[in-house]
Amino acid sequence: MKQHEMAAEAGSRLMATAEWEPDFPSKPSDPEAPESGLPEDLSELSVSELATLCDRVFSELDQEFPTFGAHEDYRLLTEELQSRGEHRSAEGRLTHDVVEGADDDEQS
């Protein structure tokens, strides 16, 4: 098998970076490891509360030695904020379409 054929075959079996997920837990099961300071269910927090927590965790990450788990906490918070932003954006489009449709009906 020639080198370019081997590279093509190997390339088809390799995963893209975005597809790769580590096979180890994001947080250790060590009972001595510090617990996250985040609430168990982020969906119960308002967007304002999420943003405040996100700012606090970001400030922690800006330190020379951030606390254990701060990176994971920040990732969880930003994912929740992004999810809510996408949800609100979709609701806004739906509301806008319904209002436009009502205006069209009134003009008829």
PDB file of N, CA and C in Angstrom:
ATOM      1  N   MET A   1       0.859  -1.174   0.000  1.00  0.00           N
ATOM      2  CA  MET A   1       0.000   0.000   0.000  1.00  0.00           C
ATOM      3  C   MET A   1       0.905   1.236   0.000  1.00  0.00           C
ATOM      4  N   LYS A   2       0.573   2.183  -0.842  1.00  0.00           N
ATOM      5  CA  LYS A   2       1.377   3.397  -0.945  1.00  0.00           C
ATOM      6  C   LYS A   2       1.023   4.362   0.182  1.00  0.00           C
ATOM      7  N   GLN A   3       1.934   5.302   0.402  1.00  0.00           N
ATOM      8  CA  GLN A   3       1.787   6.225   1.525  1.00  0.00           C
ATOM      9  C   GLN A   3       0.493   7.028   1.434  1.00  0.00           C
ATOM     10  N   HIS A   4       0.135   7.547   0.261  1.00  0.00           N
ATOM     11  CA  HIS A   4      -1.087   8.352   0.147  1.00  0.00           C
ATOM     12  C   HIS A   4      -2.335   7.507   0.363  1.00  0.00           C
ATOM     13  N   GLU A   5      -2.290   6.207  -0.005  1.00  0.00           N
ATOM     14  CA  GLU A   5      -3.426   5.319   0.241  1.00  0.00           C
ATOM     15  C   GLU A   5      -3.579   5.054   1.740  1.00  0.00           C
ATOM     16  N   MET A   6      -2.430   4.851   2.413  1.00  0.00           N
ATOM     17  CA  MET A   6      -2.469   4.625   3.860  1.00  0.00           C
ATOM     18  C   MET A   6      -2.992   5.859   4.583  1.00  0.00           C
ATOM     19  N   ALA A   7      -2.580   7.037   4.148  1.00  0.00           N
ATOM     20  CA  ALA A   7      -3.040   8.275   4.779  1.00  0.00           C
ATOM     21  C   ALA A   7      -4.533   8.457   4.572  1.00  0.00           C
ATOM     22  N   ALA A   8      -5.029   8.144   3.375  1.00  0.00           N
ATOM     23  CA  ALA A   8      -6.462   8.285   3.096  1.00  0.00           C
ATOM     24  C   ALA A   8      -7.272   7.320   3.951  1.00  0.00           C
ATOM     25  N   GLU A   9      -6.781   6.075   4.073  1.00  0.00           N
ATOM     26  CA  GLU A   9      -7.497   5.091   4.884  1.00  0.00           C
ATOM     27  C   GLU A   9      -7.494   5.486   6.360  1.00  0.00           C
ATOM     28  N   ALA A  10      -6.359   5.931   6.858  1.00  0.00           N
ATOM     29  CA  ALA A  10      -6.274   6.354   8.260  1.00  0.00           C
ATOM     30  C   ALA A  10      -7.134   7.582   8.500  1.00  0.00           C
ATOM     31  N   GLY A  11      -7.153   8.518   7.556  1.00  0.00           N
ATOM     32  CA  GLY A  11      -7.937   9.741   7.698  1.00  0.00           C
ATOM     33  C   GLY A  11      -9.419   9.467   7.813  1.00  0.00           C
ATOM     34  N   SER A  12      -9.898   8.446   7.116  1.00  0.00           N
ATOM     35  CA  SER A  12     -11.329   8.136   7.179  1.00  0.00           C
ATOM     36  C   SER A  12     -11.721   7.563   8.533  1.00  0.00           C
ATOM     37  N   ARG A  13     -10.740   6.998   9.262  1.00  0.00           N
ATOM     38  CA  ARG A  13     -11.038   6.422  10.572  1.00  0.00           C
ATOM     39  C   ARG A  13     -10.823   7.399  11.718  1.00  0.00           C
ATOM     40  N   LEU A  14     -10.167   8.505  11.444  1.00  0.00           N
ATOM     41  CA  LEU A  14      -9.911   9.484  12.496  1.00  0.00           C
ATOM     42  C   LEU A  14     -11.126  10.369  12.684  1.00  0.00           C
ATOM     43  N   MET A  15     -11.366  10.755  13.916  1.00  0.00           N
ATOM     44  CA  MET A  15     -12.487  11.645  14.207  1.00  0.00           C
ATOM     45  C   MET A  15     -12.020  13.087  14.141  1.00  0.00           C
ATOM     46  N   ALA A  16     -12.916  13.946  13.732  1.00  0.00           N
ATOM     47  CA  ALA A  16     -12.625  15.371  13.770  1.00  0.00           C
ATOM     48  C   ALA A  16     -12.518  15.794  15.230  1.00  0.00           C
ATOM     49  N   THR A  17     -11.813  16.882  15.480  1.00  0.00           N
ATOM     50  CA  THR A  17     -11.633  17.359  16.852  1.00  0.00           C
ATOM     51  C   THR A  17     -12.968  17.601  17.539  1.00  0.00           C
ATOM     52  N   ALA A  18     -13.942  18.154  16.815  1.00  0.00           N
ATOM     53  CA  ALA A  18     -15.248  18.460  17.409  1.00  0.00           C
ATOM     54  C   ALA A  18     -15.997  17.193  17.803  1.00  0.00           C
ATOM     55  N   GLU A  19     -15.700  16.063  17.145  1.00  0.00           N
ATOM     56  CA  GLU A  19     -16.395  14.817  17.453  1.00  0.00           C
ATOM     57  C   GLU A  19     -15.770  14.085  18.633  1.00  0.00           C
ATOM     58  N   TRP A  20     -14.554  14.434  18.975  1.00  0.00           N
ATOM     59  CA  TRP A  20     -13.837  13.720  20.022  1.00  0.00           C
ATOM     60  C   TRP A  20     -14.351  14.106  21.390  1.00  0.00           C
ATOM     61  N   GLU A  21     -14.681  13.129  22.167  1.00  0.00           N
ATOM     62  CA  GLU A  21     -15.106  13.343  23.546  1.00  0.00           C
ATOM     63  C   GLU A  21     -14.210  12.498  24.437  1.00  0.00           C
ATOM     64  N   PRO A  22     -13.681  13.062  25.493  1.00  0.00           N
ATOM     65  CA  PRO A  22     -12.859  12.249  26.387  1.00  0.00           C
ATOM     66  C   PRO A  22     -13.710  11.168  27.039  1.00  0.00           C
ATOM     67  N   ASP A  23     -13.090  10.028  27.306  1.00  0.00           N
ATOM     68  CA  ASP A  23     -13.843   8.935  27.916  1.00  0.00           C
ATOM     69  C   ASP A  23     -13.657   8.877  29.428  1.00  0.00           C
ATOM     70  N   PHE A  24     -13.255   9.983  30.008  1.00  0.00           N
ATOM     71  CA  PHE A  24     -13.128  10.043  31.454  1.00  0.00           C
ATOM     72  C   PHE A  24     -14.148  11.039  31.994  1.00  0.00           C
ATOM     73  N   PRO A  25     -14.579  10.871  33.236  1.00  0.00           N
ATOM     74  CA  PRO A  25     -15.593  11.785  33.782  1.00  0.00           C
ATOM     75  C   PRO A  25     -15.054  13.209  33.868  1.00  0.00           C
ATOM     76  N   SER A  26     -15.943  14.174  33.682  1.00  0.00           N
ATOM     77  CA  SER A  26     -15.518  15.571  33.729  1.00  0.00           C
ATOM     78  C   SER A  26     -15.146  15.988  35.150  1.00  0.00           C
ATOM     79  N   LYS A  27     -15.692  15.318  36.113  1.00  0.00           N
ATOM     80  CA  LYS A  27     -15.347  15.595  37.512  1.00  0.00           C
ATOM     81  C   LYS A  27     -14.961  14.280  38.185  1.00  0.00           C
ATOM     82  N   PRO A  28     -13.945  14.297  38.983  1.00  0.00           N
ATOM     83  CA  PRO A  28     -13.510  13.049  39.614  1.00  0.00           C
ATOM     84  C   PRO A  28     -14.523  12.564  40.641  1.00  0.00           C
ATOM     85  N   SER A  29     -14.474  11.273  40.889  1.00  0.00           N
ATOM     86  CA  SER A  29     -15.374  10.707  41.902  1.00  0.00           C
ATOM     87  C   SER A  29     -14.741  10.757  43.287  1.00  0.00           C
ATOM     88  N   ASP A  30     -13.603  11.394  43.390  1.00  0.00           N
ATOM     89  CA  ASP A  30     -12.893  11.521  44.662  1.00  0.00           C
ATOM     90  C   ASP A  30     -13.734  12.337  45.640  1.00  0.00           C
ATOM     91  N   PRO A  31     -14.099  11.752  46.785  1.00  0.00           N
ATOM     92  CA  PRO A  31     -14.927  12.494  47.743  1.00  0.00           C
ATOM     93  C   PRO A  31     -14.216  13.710  48.327  1.00  0.00           C
ATOM     94  N   GLU A  32     -12.899  13.758  48.211  1.00  0.00           N
ATOM     95  CA  GLU A  32     -12.141  14.894  48.723  1.00  0.00           C
ATOM     96  C   GLU A  32     -12.130  16.067  47.741  1.00  0.00           C
ATOM     97  N   ALA A  33     -12.532  15.827  46.497  1.00  0.00           N
ATOM     98  CA  ALA A  33     -12.532  16.896  45.496  1.00  0.00           C
ATOM     99  C   ALA A  33     -13.590  17.929  45.867  1.00  0.00           C
ATOM    100  N   PRO A  34     -13.281  19.206  45.689  1.00  0.00           N
ATOM    101  CA  PRO A  34     -14.264  20.244  46.030  1.00  0.00           C
ATOM    102  C   PRO A  34     -15.481  20.171  45.111  1.00  0.00           C
ATOM    103  N   GLU A  35     -16.631  20.427  45.672  1.00  0.00           N
ATOM    104  CA  GLU A  35     -17.872  20.429  44.905  1.00  0.00           C
ATOM    105  C   GLU A  35     -18.024  21.739  44.146  1.00  0.00           C
ATOM    106  N   SER A  36     -18.784  21.690  43.082  1.00  0.00           N
ATOM    107  CA  SER A  36     -19.074  22.892  42.309  1.00  0.00           C
ATOM    108  C   SER A  36     -19.935  23.829  43.146  1.00  0.00           C
ATOM    109  N   GLY A  37     -19.738  25.119  42.971  1.00  0.00           N
ATOM    110  CA  GLY A  37     -20.546  26.099  43.682  1.00  0.00           C
ATOM    111  C   GLY A  37     -21.839  26.420  42.951  1.00  0.00           C
ATOM    112  N   LEU A  38     -22.082  25.747  41.828  1.00  0.00           N
ATOM    113  CA  LEU A  38     -23.290  26.010  41.046  1.00  0.00           C
ATOM    114  C   LEU A  38     -24.482  25.251  41.612  1.00  0.00           C
ATOM    115  N   PRO A  39     -25.675  25.815  41.442  1.00  0.00           N
ATOM    116  CA  PRO A  39     -26.880  25.077  41.832  1.00  0.00           C
ATOM    117  C   PRO A  39     -27.006  23.807  40.987  1.00  0.00           C
ATOM    118  N   GLU A  40     -27.671  22.820  41.512  1.00  0.00           N
ATOM    119  CA  GLU A  40     -27.852  21.546  40.806  1.00  0.00           C
ATOM    120  C   GLU A  40     -28.581  21.737  39.477  1.00  0.00           C
ATOM    121  N   ASP A  41     -29.634  22.554  39.472  1.00  0.00           N
ATOM    122  CA  ASP A  41     -30.451  22.743  38.271  1.00  0.00           C
ATOM    123  C   ASP A  41     -30.355  24.193  37.806  1.00  0.00           C
ATOM    124  N   LEU A  42     -29.594  24.425  36.751  1.00  0.00           N
ATOM    125  CA  LEU A  42     -29.414  25.790  36.242  1.00  0.00           C
ATOM    126  C   LEU A  42     -30.690  26.344  35.608  1.00  0.00           C
ATOM    127  N   SER A  43     -31.611  25.476  35.217  1.00  0.00           N
ATOM    128  CA  SER A  43     -32.840  25.948  34.573  1.00  0.00           C
ATOM    129  C   SER A  43     -33.728  26.736  35.534  1.00  0.00           C
ATOM    130  N   GLU A  44     -33.492  26.601  36.834  1.00  0.00           N
ATOM    131  CA  GLU A  44     -34.292  27.335  37.819  1.00  0.00           C
ATOM    132  C   GLU A  44     -33.828  28.780  37.991  1.00  0.00           C
ATOM    133  N   LEU A  45     -32.656  29.121  37.454  1.00  0.00           N
ATOM    134  CA  LEU A  45     -32.108  30.474  37.605  1.00  0.00           C
ATOM    135  C   LEU A  45     -32.580  31.385  36.482  1.00  0.00           C
ATOM    136  N   SER A  46     -32.713  32.664  36.802  1.00  0.00           N
ATOM    137  CA  SER A  46     -33.057  33.644  35.773  1.00  0.00           C
ATOM    138  C   SER A  46     -31.821  33.912  34.924  1.00  0.00           C
ATOM    139  N   VAL A  47     -32.016  34.541  33.773  1.00  0.00           N
ATOM    140  CA  VAL A  47     -30.898  34.890  32.899  1.00  0.00           C
ATOM    141  C   VAL A  47     -29.953  35.844  33.626  1.00  0.00           C
ATOM    142  N   SER A  48     -30.512  36.762  34.394  1.00  0.00           N
ATOM    143  CA  SER A  48     -29.693  37.701  35.155  1.00  0.00           C
ATOM    144  C   SER A  48     -28.820  36.973  36.178  1.00  0.00           C
ATOM    145  N   GLU A  49     -29.407  36.000  36.883  1.00  0.00           N
ATOM    146  CA  GLU A  49     -28.640  35.226  37.862  1.00  0.00           C
ATOM    147  C   GLU A  49     -27.548  34.401  37.176  1.00  0.00           C
ATOM    148  N   LEU A  50     -27.880  33.823  36.016  1.00  0.00           N
ATOM    149  CA  LEU A  50     -26.880  33.065  35.262  1.00  0.00           C
ATOM    150  C   LEU A  50     -25.723  33.958  34.833  1.00  0.00           C
ATOM    151  N   ALA A  51     -26.046  35.155  34.347  1.00  0.00           N
ATOM    152  CA  ALA A  51     -25.012  36.091  33.900  1.00  0.00           C
ATOM    153  C   ALA A  51     -24.115  36.510  35.062  1.00  0.00           C
ATOM    154  N   THR A  52     -24.714  36.742  36.231  1.00  0.00           N
ATOM    155  CA  THR A  52     -23.931  37.116  37.412  1.00  0.00           C
ATOM    156  C   THR A  52     -22.983  35.986  37.808  1.00  0.00           C
ATOM    157  N   LEU A  53     -23.499  34.752  37.840  1.00  0.00           N
ATOM    158  CA  LEU A  53     -22.650  33.603  38.156  1.00  0.00           C
ATOM    159  C   LEU A  53     -21.539  33.443  37.123  1.00  0.00           C
ATOM    160  N   CYS A  54     -21.887  33.644  35.863  1.00  0.00           N
ATOM    161  CA  CYS A  54     -20.909  33.526  34.783  1.00  0.00           C
ATOM    162  C   CYS A  54     -19.783  34.546  34.970  1.00  0.00           C
ATOM    163  N   ASP A  55     -20.136  35.769  35.332  1.00  0.00           N
ATOM    164  CA  ASP A  55     -19.129  36.806  35.588  1.00  0.00           C
ATOM    165  C   ASP A  55     -18.213  36.413  36.747  1.00  0.00           C
ATOM    166  N   ARG A  56     -18.806  35.872  37.814  1.00  0.00           N
ATOM    167  CA  ARG A  56     -18.009  35.461  38.979  1.00  0.00           C
ATOM    168  C   ARG A  56     -17.026  34.349  38.619  1.00  0.00           C
ATOM    169  N   VAL A  57     -17.529  33.350  37.878  1.00  0.00           N
ATOM    170  CA  VAL A  57     -16.667  32.228  37.505  1.00  0.00           C
ATOM    171  C   VAL A  57     -15.580  32.699  36.544  1.00  0.00           C
ATOM    172  N   PHE A  58     -15.925  33.608  35.625  1.00  0.00           N
ATOM    173  CA  PHE A  58     -14.917  34.141  34.706  1.00  0.00           C
ATOM    174  C   PHE A  58     -13.827  34.871  35.481  1.00  0.00           C
ATOM    175  N   SER A  59     -14.225  35.635  36.489  1.00  0.00           N
ATOM    176  CA  SER A  59     -13.235  36.322  37.330  1.00  0.00           C
ATOM    177  C   SER A  59     -12.325  35.318  38.026  1.00  0.00           C
ATOM    178  N   GLU A  60     -12.913  34.214  38.454  1.00  0.00           N
ATOM    179  CA  GLU A  60     -12.121  33.152  39.083  1.00  0.00           C
ATOM    180  C   GLU A  60     -11.122  32.565  38.082  1.00  0.00           C
ATOM    181  N   LEU A  61     -11.556  32.372  36.843  1.00  0.00           N
ATOM    182  CA  LEU A  61     -10.661  31.830  35.815  1.00  0.00           C
ATOM    183  C   LEU A  61      -9.527  32.785  35.486  1.00  0.00           C
ATOM    184  N   ASP A  62      -9.740  34.068  35.730  1.00  0.00           N
ATOM    185  CA  ASP A  62      -8.740  35.086  35.428  1.00  0.00           C
ATOM    186  C   ASP A  62      -7.617  35.116  36.467  1.00  0.00           C
ATOM    187  N   GLN A  63      -7.775  34.368  37.549  1.00  0.00           N
ATOM    188  CA  GLN A  63      -6.752  34.312  38.598  1.00  0.00           C
ATOM    189  C   GLN A  63      -5.577  33.442  38.139  1.00  0.00           C
ATOM    190  N   GLU A  64      -4.455  33.600  38.794  1.00  0.00           N
ATOM    191  CA  GLU A  64      -3.276  32.805  38.442  1.00  0.00           C
ATOM    192  C   GLU A  64      -3.521  31.310  38.669  1.00  0.00           C
ATOM    193  N   PHE A  65      -4.238  30.982  39.747  1.00  0.00           N
ATOM    194  CA  PHE A  65      -4.542  29.590  40.052  1.00  0.00           C
ATOM    195  C   PHE A  65      -6.048  29.451  40.305  1.00  0.00           C
ATOM    196  N   PRO A  66      -6.847  29.281  39.241  1.00  0.00           N
ATOM    197  CA  PRO A  66      -8.297  29.139  39.444  1.00  0.00           C
ATOM    198  C   PRO A  66      -8.619  27.867  40.230  1.00  0.00           C
ATOM    199  N   THR A  67      -9.727  27.893  40.923  1.00  0.00           N
ATOM    200  CA  THR A  67     -10.119  26.727  41.715  1.00  0.00           C
ATOM    201  C   THR A  67     -10.470  25.561  40.805  1.00  0.00           C
ATOM    202  N   PHE A  68     -10.357  24.369  41.364  1.00  0.00           N
ATOM    203  CA  PHE A  68     -10.684  23.157  40.625  1.00  0.00           C
ATOM    204  C   PHE A  68     -12.152  23.192  40.197  1.00  0.00           C
ATOM    205  N   GLY A  69     -12.409  22.876  38.948  1.00  0.00           N
ATOM    206  CA  GLY A  69     -13.775  22.812  38.441  1.00  0.00           C
ATOM    207  C   GLY A  69     -14.294  24.111  37.861  1.00  0.00           C
ATOM    208  N   ALA A  70     -13.529  25.196  37.953  1.00  0.00           N
ATOM    209  CA  ALA A  70     -14.007  26.489  37.448  1.00  0.00           C
ATOM    210  C   ALA A  70     -14.216  26.453  35.937  1.00  0.00           C
ATOM    211  N   HIS A  71     -13.344  25.761  35.216  1.00  0.00           N
ATOM    212  CA  HIS A  71     -13.500  25.667  33.759  1.00  0.00           C
ATOM    213  C   HIS A  71     -14.806  24.959  33.401  1.00  0.00           C
ATOM    214  N   GLU A  72     -15.086  23.868  34.093  1.00  0.00           N
ATOM    215  CA  GLU A  72     -16.315  23.115  33.842  1.00  0.00           C
ATOM    216  C   GLU A  72     -17.546  23.945  34.217  1.00  0.00           C
ATOM    217  N   ASP A  73     -17.493  24.651  35.339  1.00  0.00           N
ATOM    218  CA  ASP A  73     -18.611  25.507  35.746  1.00  0.00           C
ATOM    219  C   ASP A  73     -18.878  26.575  34.690  1.00  0.00           C
ATOM    220  N   TYR A  74     -17.805  27.186  34.183  1.00  0.00           N
ATOM    221  CA  TYR A  74     -17.958  28.242  33.176  1.00  0.00           C
ATOM    222  C   TYR A  74     -18.572  27.672  31.897  1.00  0.00           C
ATOM    223  N   ARG A  75     -18.130  26.479  31.509  1.00  0.00           N
ATOM    224  CA  ARG A  75     -18.684  25.839  30.313  1.00  0.00           C
ATOM    225  C   ARG A  75     -20.183  25.575  30.490  1.00  0.00           C
ATOM    226  N   LEU A  76     -20.571  25.057  31.647  1.00  0.00           N
ATOM    227  CA  LEU A  76     -21.986  24.773  31.904  1.00  0.00           C
ATOM    228  C   LEU A  76     -22.829  26.050  31.865  1.00  0.00           C
ATOM    229  N   LEU A  77     -22.317  27.110  32.476  1.00  0.00           N
ATOM    230  CA  LEU A  77     -23.053  28.380  32.504  1.00  0.00           C
ATOM    231  C   LEU A  77     -23.204  28.974  31.109  1.00  0.00           C
ATOM    232  N   THR A  78     -22.128  28.972  30.337  1.00  0.00           N
ATOM    233  CA  THR A  78     -22.215  29.558  28.994  1.00  0.00           C
ATOM    234  C   THR A  78     -23.115  28.727  28.087  1.00  0.00           C
ATOM    235  N   GLU A  79     -23.104  27.404  28.245  1.00  0.00           N
ATOM    236  CA  GLU A  79     -24.005  26.562  27.455  1.00  0.00           C
ATOM    237  C   GLU A  79     -25.462  26.852  27.796  1.00  0.00           C
ATOM    238  N   GLU A  80     -25.763  27.030  29.078  1.00  0.00           N
ATOM    239  CA  GLU A  80     -27.140  27.334  29.495  1.00  0.00           C
ATOM    240  C   GLU A  80     -27.578  28.694  28.954  1.00  0.00           C
ATOM    241  N   LEU A  81     -26.698  29.690  29.039  1.00  0.00           N
ATOM    242  CA  LEU A  81     -27.029  31.019  28.505  1.00  0.00           C
ATOM    243  C   LEU A  81     -27.233  30.963  26.995  1.00  0.00           C
ATOM    244  N   GLN A  82     -26.381  30.222  26.298  1.00  0.00           N
ATOM    245  CA  GLN A  82     -26.517  30.103  24.850  1.00  0.00           C
ATOM    246  C   GLN A  82     -27.823  29.402  24.490  1.00  0.00           C
ATOM    247  N   SER A  83     -28.147  28.355  25.212  1.00  0.00           N
ATOM    248  CA  SER A  83     -29.383  27.619  24.966  1.00  0.00           C
ATOM    249  C   SER A  83     -30.602  28.520  25.142  1.00  0.00           C
ATOM    250  N   ARG A  84     -30.588  29.312  26.190  1.00  0.00           N
ATOM    251  CA  ARG A  84     -31.716  30.223  26.424  1.00  0.00           C
ATOM    252  C   ARG A  84     -31.785  31.306  25.357  1.00  0.00           C
ATOM    253  N   GLY A  85     -30.632  31.788  24.915  1.00  0.00           N
ATOM    254  CA  GLY A  85     -30.610  32.794  23.857  1.00  0.00           C
ATOM    255  C   GLY A  85     -31.187  32.251  22.564  1.00  0.00           C
ATOM    256  N   GLU A  86     -30.843  31.007  22.229  1.00  0.00           N
ATOM    257  CA  GLU A  86     -31.383  30.384  21.025  1.00  0.00           C
ATOM    258  C   GLU A  86     -32.883  30.175  21.166  1.00  0.00           C
ATOM    259  N   HIS A  87     -33.327  29.775  22.352  1.00  0.00           N
ATOM    260  CA  HIS A  87     -34.751  29.542  22.598  1.00  0.00           C
ATOM    261  C   HIS A  87     -35.537  30.849  22.468  1.00  0.00           C
ATOM    262  N   ARG A  88     -35.012  31.928  23.071  1.00  0.00           N
ATOM    263  CA  ARG A  88     -35.688  33.233  23.000  1.00  0.00           C
ATOM    264  C   ARG A  88     -35.710  33.747  21.569  1.00  0.00           C
ATOM    265  N   SER A  89     -34.634  33.518  20.844  1.00  0.00           N
ATOM    266  CA  SER A  89     -34.562  33.953  19.454  1.00  0.00           C
ATOM    267  C   SER A  89     -35.626  33.235  18.624  1.00  0.00           C
ATOM    268  N   ALA A  90     -35.775  31.932  18.843  1.00  0.00           N
ATOM    269  CA  ALA A  90     -36.786  31.161  18.116  1.00  0.00           C
ATOM    270  C   ALA A  90     -38.185  31.627  18.494  1.00  0.00           C
ATOM    271  N   GLU A  91     -38.424  31.916  19.774  1.00  0.00           N
ATOM    272  CA  GLU A  91     -39.733  32.413  20.205  1.00  0.00           C
ATOM    273  C   GLU A  91     -40.025  33.774  19.589  1.00  0.00           C
ATOM    274  N   GLY A  92     -39.015  34.625  19.512  1.00  0.00           N
ATOM    275  CA  GLY A  92     -39.183  35.956  18.929  1.00  0.00           C
ATOM    276  C   GLY A  92     -39.576  35.883  17.468  1.00  0.00           C
ATOM    277  N   ARG A  93     -38.949  34.972  16.729  1.00  0.00           N
ATOM    278  CA  ARG A  93     -39.304  34.807  15.314  1.00  0.00           C
ATOM    279  C   ARG A  93     -40.736  34.321  15.191  1.00  0.00           C
ATOM    280  N   LEU A  94     -41.134  33.380  16.045  1.00  0.00           N
ATOM    281  CA  LEU A  94     -42.484  32.846  16.000  1.00  0.00           C
ATOM    282  C   LEU A  94     -43.492  33.942  16.314  1.00  0.00           C
ATOM    283  N   THR A  95     -43.258  34.716  17.352  1.00  0.00           N
ATOM    284  CA  THR A  95     -44.153  35.808  17.728  1.00  0.00           C
ATOM    285  C   THR A  95     -44.235  36.830  16.607  1.00  0.00           C
ATOM    286  N   HIS A  96     -43.095  37.170  16.009  1.00  0.00           N
ATOM    287  CA  HIS A  96     -43.065  38.144  14.923  1.00  0.00           C
ATOM    288  C   HIS A  96     -43.892  37.642  13.740  1.00  0.00           C
ATOM    289  N   ASP A  97     -43.752  36.351  13.396  1.00  0.00           N
ATOM    290  CA  ASP A  97     -44.501  35.780  12.279  1.00  0.00           C
ATOM    291  C   ASP A  97     -45.997  35.794  12.557  1.00  0.00           C
ATOM    292  N   VAL A  98     -46.397  35.486  13.788  1.00  0.00           N
ATOM    293  CA  VAL A  98     -47.814  35.478  14.148  1.00  0.00           C
ATOM    294  C   VAL A  98     -48.379  36.892  14.063  1.00  0.00           C
ATOM    295  N   VAL A  99     -47.661  37.881  14.582  1.00  0.00           N
ATOM    296  CA  VAL A  99     -48.119  39.271  14.545  1.00  0.00           C
ATOM    297  C   VAL A  99     -48.215  39.748  13.105  1.00  0.00           C
ATOM    298  N   GLU A 100     -47.235  39.428  12.265  1.00  0.00           N
ATOM    299  CA  GLU A 100     -47.294  39.825  10.858  1.00  0.00           C
ATOM    300  C   GLU A 100     -48.494  39.197  10.179  1.00  0.00           C
ATOM    301  N   GLY A 101     -48.765  37.924  10.472  1.00  0.00           N
ATOM    302  CA  GLY A 101     -49.911  37.241   9.883  1.00  0.00           C
ATOM    303  C   GLY A 101     -51.213  37.893  10.302  1.00  0.00           C
ATOM    304  N   ALA A 102     -51.308  38.337  11.551  1.00  0.00           N
ATOM    305  CA  ALA A 102     -52.513  39.008  12.040  1.00  0.00           C
ATOM    306  C   ALA A 102     -52.690  40.338  11.327  1.00  0.00           C
ATOM    307  N   ASP A 103     -51.592  41.063  11.102  1.00  0.00           N
ATOM    308  CA  ASP A 103     -51.670  42.335  10.387  1.00  0.00           C
ATOM    309  C   ASP A 103     -52.138  42.122   8.960  1.00  0.00           C
ATOM    310  N   ASP A 104     -51.679  41.053   8.330  1.00  0.00           N
ATOM    311  CA  ASP A 104     -52.088  40.755   6.957  1.00  0.00           C
ATOM    312  C   ASP A 104     -53.576  40.450   6.900  1.00  0.00           C
ATOM    313  N   ASP A 105     -54.096  39.732   7.914  1.00  0.00           N
ATOM    314  CA  ASP A 105     -55.513  39.395   7.957  1.00  0.00           C
ATOM    315  C   ASP A 105     -56.367  40.648   8.102  1.00  0.00           C
ATOM    316  N   GLU A 106     -55.902  41.612   8.910  1.00  0.00           N
ATOM    317  CA  GLU A 106     -56.660  42.835   9.132  1.00  0.00           C
ATOM    318  C   GLU A 106     -56.729  43.678   7.863  1.00  0.00           C
ATOM    319  N   GLN A 107     -55.683  43.638   7.052  1.00  0.00           N
ATOM    320  CA  GLN A 107     -55.652  44.438   5.834  1.00  0.00           C
ATOM    321  C   GLN A 107     -56.546  43.854   4.758  1.00  0.00           C
ATOM    322  N   SER A 108     -56.881  42.575   4.836  1.00  0.00           N
ATOM    323  CA  SER A 108     -57.691  41.918   3.806  1.00  0.00           C
ATOM    324  C   SER A 108     -59.110  42.364   3.814  1.00  0.00           C
TER     325      SER A 108
END
